[in-house]
């Protein structure tokens, strides 16, 4: 009789747990209000192999240059292919070819602007107003 009572209690507990698990899996997750902004010192997006493929961060001021916000899109080999930067004195955009020897830089620094085009053989053209 005692054994049957213990088995009955255990069966009842299992049934309650089973129903509890079933209810939690059926109900969808509901967001709690409007999500706030993500805040931090930087953000990195990695691929399946753990390599950083995109990043945004703040580069500290260096000698002769002010603090810069920099966004990078990175090739699987680790080379940044696209960069967008903004600082107190200017902004720029660069695209680097797969060979790392050809690139385009569009920049506005203070009152001056220019577009620099460089090809693999070292040919270069600078366009400025």
Foldseek 3Di string as FASTA:
>chain_A
DVVVVVVVVVVVVVVVVVVVVVVVVVDDDDDDPDDDDDDDQKDFDADPVRHTQKMWHWDPADVPGHIKIKIFGADPVGHTQWIWMDGPFWIKIKGADPVNQWMWIWIDGHPWTWIWTADNVGDIDIDTD
